Amino acid sequence: KLEAAQGCRSARLRSRVPDADQRLSIAHLDLSSFPREISSYASTLKSLDASHNQLNSLRPLEDFHLLETLVLDSNQIEHNCVMPYLPNLKYLSVNTNRIANLDRFLGALRESCPS
Protein backbone atom coordinates (compact mmCIF):
# COMPACT_ATOMS: atom_id res chain seq x y z
CA LYS A 1 0.00 0.00 0.00
CA LEU A 2 2.84 2.38 0.85
CA GLU A 3 4.48 1.81 -2.55
CA ALA A 4 1.19 2.44 -4.34
CA ALA A 5 0.64 5.67 -2.39
CA GLN A 6 4.17 6.87 -3.18
CA GLY A 7 3.73 6.01 -6.86
CA CYS A 8 0.46 7.92 -6.99
CA ARG A 9 2.07 10.92 -5.26
CA SER A 10 4.98 10.85 -7.75
CA ALA A 11 2.57 10.80 -10.67
CA ARG A 12 0.63 13.76 -9.25
CA LEU A 13 3.88 15.66 -8.73
CA ARG A 14 5.10 15.02 -12.29
CA SER A 15 1.88 16.51 -13.62
CA ARG A 16 2.56 19.77 -11.76
CA VAL A 17 4.77 22.23 -13.58
CA PRO A 18 5.12 26.00 -13.22
CA ASP A 19 2.66 28.09 -15.18
CA ALA A 20 3.61 30.96 -17.51
CA ASP A 21 4.04 33.29 -14.51
CA GLN A 22 6.47 30.85 -12.86
CA ARG A 23 4.00 29.74 -10.18
CA LEU A 24 3.94 26.16 -8.92
CA SER A 25 1.58 24.38 -6.55
CA ILE A 26 2.57 21.23 -4.73
CA ALA A 27 -0.27 21.65 -2.23
CA HIS A 28 -2.30 18.73 -0.87
CA LEU A 29 0.26 16.04 -1.79
CA ASP A 30 0.90 14.81 1.78
CA LEU A 31 4.62 15.56 1.36
CA SER A 32 6.95 15.20 4.34
CA SER A 33 9.81 16.85 2.44
CA PHE A 34 10.21 18.96 -0.66
CA PRO A 35 10.54 16.70 -3.71
CA ARG A 36 13.89 16.76 -5.50
CA GLU A 37 12.09 17.35 -8.79
CA ILE A 38 11.30 20.96 -7.92
CA SER A 39 15.00 21.86 -7.69
CA SER A 40 15.03 22.11 -11.50
CA TYR A 41 12.83 25.21 -11.10
CA ALA A 42 15.07 26.91 -8.51
CA SER A 43 16.48 29.50 -10.92
CA THR A 44 13.10 30.60 -12.33
CA LEU A 45 10.29 29.96 -9.83
CA LYS A 46 8.62 33.07 -8.38
CA SER A 47 5.71 31.57 -6.45
CA LEU A 48 5.40 28.26 -4.61
CA ASP A 49 2.33 26.93 -2.83
CA ALA A 50 3.30 23.98 -0.64
CA SER A 51 0.34 24.22 1.70
CA HIS A 52 -1.49 21.29 3.28
CA ASN A 53 1.45 18.91 3.50
CA GLN A 54 3.63 17.64 6.36
CA LEU A 55 6.71 19.80 5.65
CA ASN A 56 9.01 20.73 8.53
CA SER A 57 12.19 21.89 6.79
CA LEU A 58 12.75 24.72 4.34
CA ARG A 59 16.41 23.99 3.59
CA PRO A 60 15.64 22.55 0.15
CA LEU A 61 14.55 26.06 -0.90
CA GLU A 62 17.99 27.61 -0.38
CA ASP A 63 18.59 27.99 -4.13
CA PHE A 64 15.21 29.58 -4.90
CA HIS A 65 16.54 33.15 -4.93
CA LEU A 66 13.82 34.54 -7.24
CA LEU A 67 10.99 33.28 -5.03
CA GLU A 68 8.63 36.14 -4.19
CA THR A 69 5.66 34.22 -2.77
CA LEU A 70 5.78 31.19 -0.50
CA VAL A 71 2.64 29.61 0.94
CA LEU A 72 3.27 27.02 3.65
CA ASP A 73 -0.10 26.92 5.41
CA SER A 74 -1.05 23.72 7.26
CA ASN A 75 2.36 22.09 7.54
CA GLN A 76 4.65 21.18 10.45
CA ILE A 77 6.89 24.30 10.42
CA GLU A 78 8.24 25.20 13.88
CA HIS A 79 9.71 28.44 15.22
CA ASN A 80 13.25 27.00 15.13
CA CYS A 81 13.00 26.04 11.46
CA VAL A 82 16.06 27.23 9.54
CA MET A 83 14.96 29.83 7.01
CA PRO A 84 17.00 29.79 3.80
CA TYR A 85 18.16 33.10 2.38
CA LEU A 86 15.34 34.22 0.07
CA PRO A 87 16.30 37.77 -0.94
CA ASN A 88 13.21 38.45 -3.09
CA LEU A 89 10.53 36.98 -0.84
CA LYS A 90 7.71 39.48 -0.39
CA TYR A 91 4.84 37.26 0.79
CA LEU A 92 5.05 34.36 3.24
CA SER A 93 2.06 32.55 4.68
CA VAL A 94 2.58 30.07 7.52
CA ASN A 95 -0.94 29.77 8.97
CA THR A 96 -1.71 26.61 10.93
CA ASN A 97 1.80 25.39 11.63
CA ARG A 98 3.68 24.65 14.87
CA ILE A 99 5.27 28.05 15.46
CA ALA A 100 5.26 28.37 19.25
CA ASN A 101 7.69 31.31 19.52
CA LEU A 102 6.67 33.92 16.98
CA ASP A 103 9.38 36.42 18.02
CA ARG A 104 12.12 33.88 17.36
CA PHE A 105 10.61 32.90 14.03
CA LEU A 106 10.25 36.53 12.93
CA GLY A 107 13.84 37.29 13.97
CA ALA A 108 15.15 34.52 11.72
CA LEU A 109 12.81 35.66 8.97
CA ARG A 110 14.15 39.24 9.06
CA GLU A 111 17.69 37.96 8.46
CA SER A 112 16.79 35.46 5.76
CA CYS A 113 14.24 37.48 3.83
CA PRO A 114 15.31 41.13 3.62
CA SER A 115 12.54 42.11 1.19
Foldseek 3Di string as FASTA:
>chain_A
DVVVLVVVLVVVVVVWDADPQQETESDPSQDQDDDPVCVVSLVPHAYYEHEHHAYAEDVVNQSNQNHAYYEHEHYAHELPHQAHQRARHNYYHHHNYHHPDVVSSVVNCCVRYVD
